[in-house]
Amino acid sequence: MNKSELIEALASKADLSKVAAGRAVDALLEEIVTAVANGDSVTLVGFGSFKAAPRAAREGKNPKTGAKLSIAATTVPKFSAGAVFKQTVAGKGEATNG
């Protein structure tokens, strides 16, 4: 499912226009990105959590030449799926609205 298909599904299930559903999806994603970029975590109970996680500096290897290279430390976004999400994907539960 791509973003357009997600917007269509949201519009249908929430009885919204596609334009309104698109604005809602864009606003939700923007708020999650902004919060995580500011060091906050975003938790959607049953769905999962988004947070920033530090990644240590490490040594890598150029796949073409095999030459060693240094990869700098950075902060990356991380998503951890919630229990309901995991159970639904595993076929042991049902998705819930809420």
N, C-alpha and C. Protein backbone atom coordinates (compact mmCIF):
# COMPACT_ATOMS: atom_id res chain seq x y z
N MET A 1 0.86 -1.18 0.00
CA MET A 1 0.00 0.00 0.00
C MET A 1 0.90 1.23 0.00
N ASN A 2 0.63 2.15 -0.92
CA ASN A 2 1.39 3.39 -0.95
C ASN A 2 0.56 4.50 -0.29
N LYS A 3 1.11 5.71 -0.25
CA LYS A 3 0.45 6.81 0.44
C LYS A 3 -0.91 7.12 -0.17
N SER A 4 -1.03 7.12 -1.48
CA SER A 4 -2.31 7.41 -2.15
C SER A 4 -3.37 6.38 -1.77
N GLU A 5 -2.97 5.11 -1.73
CA GLU A 5 -3.91 4.05 -1.36
C GLU A 5 -4.31 4.18 0.11
N LEU A 6 -3.37 4.57 0.95
CA LEU A 6 -3.67 4.79 2.37
C LEU A 6 -4.68 5.92 2.53
N ILE A 7 -4.48 7.00 1.79
CA ILE A 7 -5.41 8.14 1.85
C ILE A 7 -6.79 7.72 1.39
N GLU A 8 -6.87 6.94 0.31
CA GLU A 8 -8.17 6.45 -0.17
C GLU A 8 -8.87 5.59 0.87
N ALA A 9 -8.12 4.69 1.51
CA ALA A 9 -8.70 3.81 2.53
C ALA A 9 -9.17 4.62 3.73
N LEU A 10 -8.38 5.60 4.15
CA LEU A 10 -8.76 6.45 5.28
C LEU A 10 -10.00 7.26 4.95
N ALA A 11 -10.05 7.82 3.76
CA ALA A 11 -11.21 8.60 3.33
C ALA A 11 -12.47 7.74 3.36
N SER A 12 -12.36 6.52 2.89
CA SER A 12 -13.50 5.61 2.86
C SER A 12 -13.96 5.21 4.26
N LYS A 13 -13.01 4.79 5.10
CA LYS A 13 -13.36 4.31 6.44
C LYS A 13 -13.81 5.42 7.39
N ALA A 14 -13.29 6.63 7.22
CA ALA A 14 -13.62 7.73 8.13
C ALA A 14 -14.66 8.67 7.53
N ASP A 15 -15.20 8.32 6.37
CA ASP A 15 -16.20 9.14 5.69
C ASP A 15 -15.70 10.58 5.50
N LEU A 16 -14.48 10.69 4.94
CA LEU A 16 -13.87 11.97 4.65
C LEU A 16 -13.64 12.10 3.15
N SER A 17 -13.46 13.33 2.71
CA SER A 17 -13.05 13.52 1.31
C SER A 17 -11.60 13.09 1.21
N LYS A 18 -11.16 12.78 0.00
CA LYS A 18 -9.75 12.40 -0.20
C LYS A 18 -8.82 13.55 0.18
N VAL A 19 -9.25 14.78 -0.09
CA VAL A 19 -8.44 15.95 0.24
C VAL A 19 -8.26 16.05 1.76
N ALA A 20 -9.36 15.89 2.50
CA ALA A 20 -9.30 15.98 3.96
C ALA A 20 -8.46 14.83 4.53
N ALA A 21 -8.63 13.64 3.99
CA ALA A 21 -7.85 12.49 4.45
C ALA A 21 -6.37 12.70 4.15
N GLY A 22 -6.06 13.27 3.00
CA GLY A 22 -4.68 13.56 2.64
C GLY A 22 -4.05 14.56 3.59
N ARG A 23 -4.80 15.60 3.94
CA ARG A 23 -4.30 16.59 4.90
C ARG A 23 -4.08 15.94 6.26
N ALA A 24 -4.97 15.04 6.67
CA ALA A 24 -4.84 14.36 7.95
C ALA A 24 -3.59 13.48 7.98
N VAL A 25 -3.37 12.73 6.92
CA VAL A 25 -2.19 11.87 6.85
C VAL A 25 -0.92 12.72 6.86
N ASP A 26 -0.90 13.78 6.07
CA ASP A 26 0.28 14.66 6.02
C ASP A 26 0.55 15.29 7.39
N ALA A 27 -0.51 15.75 8.07
CA ALA A 27 -0.35 16.37 9.38
C ALA A 27 0.16 15.36 10.40
N LEU A 28 -0.36 14.15 10.37
CA LEU A 28 0.07 13.10 11.30
C LEU A 28 1.55 12.79 11.09
N LEU A 29 1.95 12.58 9.87
CA LEU A 29 3.35 12.26 9.58
C LEU A 29 4.27 13.41 9.96
N GLU A 30 3.85 14.63 9.67
CA GLU A 30 4.67 15.80 10.02
C GLU A 30 4.85 15.90 11.53
N GLU A 31 3.80 15.67 12.29
CA GLU A 31 3.90 15.74 13.75
C GLU A 31 4.81 14.65 14.31
N ILE A 32 4.72 13.45 13.77
CA ILE A 32 5.60 12.36 14.22
C ILE A 32 7.05 12.70 13.91
N VAL A 33 7.33 13.15 12.70
CA VAL A 33 8.71 13.48 12.31
C VAL A 33 9.25 14.62 13.18
N THR A 34 8.45 15.65 13.39
CA THR A 34 8.90 16.79 14.19
C THR A 34 9.19 16.37 15.63
N ALA A 35 8.29 15.59 16.22
CA ALA A 35 8.48 15.15 17.61
C ALA A 35 9.75 14.31 17.75
N VAL A 36 9.94 13.36 16.86
CA VAL A 36 11.12 12.47 16.93
C VAL A 36 12.39 13.27 16.67
N ALA A 37 12.36 14.21 15.73
CA ALA A 37 13.52 15.04 15.44
C ALA A 37 13.89 15.90 16.64
N ASN A 38 12.90 16.26 17.47
CA ASN A 38 13.15 17.05 18.67
C ASN A 38 13.52 16.20 19.87
N GLY A 39 13.68 14.90 19.68
CA GLY A 39 14.09 14.01 20.75
C GLY A 39 12.95 13.40 21.56
N ASP A 40 11.72 13.69 21.19
CA ASP A 40 10.56 13.10 21.88
C ASP A 40 10.22 11.76 21.25
N SER A 41 9.47 10.96 22.00
CA SER A 41 8.96 9.72 21.41
C SER A 41 7.46 9.89 21.20
N VAL A 42 6.94 9.17 20.23
CA VAL A 42 5.51 9.18 19.92
C VAL A 42 5.02 7.76 20.09
N THR A 43 4.07 7.57 21.02
CA THR A 43 3.55 6.24 21.29
C THR A 43 2.07 6.18 20.93
N LEU A 44 1.72 5.26 20.06
CA LEU A 44 0.33 5.01 19.69
C LEU A 44 0.01 3.62 20.24
N VAL A 45 -0.68 3.59 21.37
CA VAL A 45 -0.93 2.34 22.09
C VAL A 45 -1.54 1.30 21.17
N GLY A 46 -0.95 0.12 21.16
CA GLY A 46 -1.42 -0.98 20.32
C GLY A 46 -0.77 -0.98 18.95
N PHE A 47 -0.37 0.19 18.46
CA PHE A 47 0.26 0.28 17.14
C PHE A 47 1.76 0.23 17.26
N GLY A 48 2.33 1.17 18.03
CA GLY A 48 3.78 1.17 18.19
C GLY A 48 4.31 2.50 18.64
N SER A 49 5.64 2.58 18.71
CA SER A 49 6.32 3.79 19.17
C SER A 49 7.38 4.21 18.16
N PHE A 50 7.50 5.51 18.00
CA PHE A 50 8.54 6.11 17.17
C PHE A 50 9.46 6.87 18.11
N LYS A 51 10.78 6.73 17.93
CA LYS A 51 11.72 7.48 18.75
C LYS A 51 13.03 7.63 18.00
N ALA A 52 13.87 8.52 18.53
CA ALA A 52 15.20 8.71 17.99
C ALA A 52 16.15 7.80 18.75
N ALA A 53 17.07 7.18 18.05
CA ALA A 53 18.04 6.28 18.68
C ALA A 53 19.45 6.62 18.19
N PRO A 54 20.39 6.72 19.12
CA PRO A 54 21.77 7.01 18.69
C PRO A 54 22.39 5.80 18.01
N ARG A 55 23.21 6.05 17.03
CA ARG A 55 23.97 4.99 16.37
C ARG A 55 25.44 5.36 16.50
N ALA A 56 26.21 4.47 17.08
CA ALA A 56 27.62 4.73 17.34
C ALA A 56 28.43 4.78 16.05
N ALA A 57 29.56 5.47 16.13
CA ALA A 57 30.49 5.47 15.00
C ALA A 57 30.99 4.05 14.80
N ARG A 58 31.26 3.71 13.56
CA ARG A 58 31.73 2.35 13.29
C ARG A 58 32.57 2.34 12.03
N GLU A 59 33.20 1.23 11.81
CA GLU A 59 34.00 1.07 10.61
C GLU A 59 33.20 0.26 9.60
N GLY A 60 33.17 0.74 8.36
CA GLY A 60 32.47 0.04 7.31
C GLY A 60 33.42 -0.37 6.21
N LYS A 61 32.85 -0.93 5.15
CA LYS A 61 33.67 -1.40 4.03
C LYS A 61 32.98 -1.01 2.73
N ASN A 62 33.73 -0.43 1.82
CA ASN A 62 33.21 -0.10 0.50
C ASN A 62 32.95 -1.42 -0.23
N PRO A 63 31.68 -1.67 -0.62
CA PRO A 63 31.37 -2.96 -1.26
C PRO A 63 32.08 -3.19 -2.60
N LYS A 64 32.42 -2.12 -3.30
CA LYS A 64 33.08 -2.27 -4.60
C LYS A 64 34.57 -2.56 -4.45
N THR A 65 35.22 -1.79 -3.58
CA THR A 65 36.68 -1.90 -3.48
C THR A 65 37.16 -2.70 -2.28
N GLY A 66 36.29 -2.86 -1.29
CA GLY A 66 36.69 -3.55 -0.08
C GLY A 66 37.49 -2.66 0.87
N ALA A 67 37.68 -1.40 0.49
CA ALA A 67 38.44 -0.47 1.33
C ALA A 67 37.65 -0.14 2.59
N LYS A 68 38.37 -0.06 3.71
CA LYS A 68 37.72 0.29 4.97
C LYS A 68 37.43 1.78 4.99
N LEU A 69 36.30 2.14 5.61
CA LEU A 69 35.96 3.54 5.75
C LEU A 69 35.31 3.79 7.10
N SER A 70 35.38 5.01 7.55
CA SER A 70 34.84 5.38 8.85
C SER A 70 33.43 5.93 8.68
N ILE A 71 32.49 5.41 9.45
CA ILE A 71 31.11 5.88 9.41
C ILE A 71 30.87 6.64 10.71
N ALA A 72 30.48 7.90 10.60
CA ALA A 72 30.30 8.77 11.77
C ALA A 72 29.09 8.36 12.60
N ALA A 73 29.13 8.71 13.87
CA ALA A 73 27.99 8.50 14.77
C ALA A 73 26.84 9.39 14.30
N THR A 74 25.63 8.95 14.50
CA THR A 74 24.46 9.71 14.08
C THR A 74 23.26 9.31 14.92
N THR A 75 22.16 9.98 14.71
CA THR A 75 20.90 9.64 15.34
C THR A 75 19.94 9.22 14.24
N VAL A 76 19.26 8.09 14.45
CA VAL A 76 18.35 7.56 13.44
C VAL A 76 16.96 7.36 14.03
N PRO A 77 15.91 7.43 13.20
CA PRO A 77 14.57 7.15 13.70
C PRO A 77 14.40 5.64 13.90
N LYS A 78 13.61 5.28 14.91
CA LYS A 78 13.38 3.86 15.20
C LYS A 78 11.89 3.66 15.47
N PHE A 79 11.35 2.57 14.95
CA PHE A 79 9.95 2.22 15.19
C PHE A 79 9.91 0.86 15.87
N SER A 80 9.13 0.78 16.93
CA SER A 80 8.91 -0.50 17.61
C SER A 80 7.42 -0.81 17.54
N ALA A 81 7.06 -1.92 16.94
CA ALA A 81 5.66 -2.30 16.80
C ALA A 81 5.05 -2.65 18.15
N GLY A 82 3.80 -2.27 18.35
CA GLY A 82 3.07 -2.58 19.57
C GLY A 82 2.52 -4.00 19.55
N ALA A 83 2.02 -4.43 20.69
CA ALA A 83 1.55 -5.81 20.85
C ALA A 83 0.42 -6.16 19.90
N VAL A 84 -0.57 -5.27 19.76
CA VAL A 84 -1.71 -5.56 18.89
C VAL A 84 -1.24 -5.67 17.44
N PHE A 85 -0.35 -4.78 17.03
CA PHE A 85 0.19 -4.80 15.67
C PHE A 85 0.92 -6.12 15.43
N LYS A 86 1.77 -6.50 16.35
CA LYS A 86 2.53 -7.76 16.21
C LYS A 86 1.60 -8.96 16.12
N GLN A 87 0.60 -9.00 16.99
CA GLN A 87 -0.33 -10.14 17.00
C GLN A 87 -1.14 -10.21 15.72
N THR A 88 -1.56 -9.06 15.22
CA THR A 88 -2.35 -9.03 13.99
C THR A 88 -1.52 -9.51 12.80
N VAL A 89 -0.29 -9.05 12.70
CA VAL A 89 0.59 -9.47 11.61
C VAL A 89 0.89 -10.96 11.70
N ALA A 90 1.01 -11.47 12.92
CA ALA A 90 1.29 -12.89 13.12
C ALA A 90 0.04 -13.75 12.92
N GLY A 91 -1.11 -13.10 12.69
CA GLY A 91 -2.35 -13.84 12.47
C GLY A 91 -3.01 -14.33 13.74
N LYS A 92 -2.64 -13.73 14.88
CA LYS A 92 -3.17 -14.18 16.16
C LYS A 92 -4.12 -13.16 16.78
N GLY A 93 -4.49 -12.15 16.04
CA GLY A 93 -5.37 -11.13 16.59
C GLY A 93 -6.04 -10.38 15.47
N GLU A 94 -6.81 -9.36 15.84
CA GLU A 94 -7.50 -8.55 14.86
C GLU A 94 -7.09 -7.11 15.04
N ALA A 95 -7.03 -6.38 13.94
CA ALA A 95 -6.76 -4.94 14.02
C ALA A 95 -7.94 -4.28 14.69
N THR A 96 -7.65 -3.24 15.49
CA THR A 96 -8.71 -2.53 16.18
C THR A 96 -8.74 -1.10 15.72
N ASN A 97 -9.87 -0.48 15.84
CA ASN A 97 -10.00 0.94 15.53
C ASN A 97 -9.83 1.71 16.82
N GLY A 98 -8.69 2.36 16.98
CA GLY A 98 -8.57 3.13 18.19
C GLY A 98 -7.19 3.24 18.57
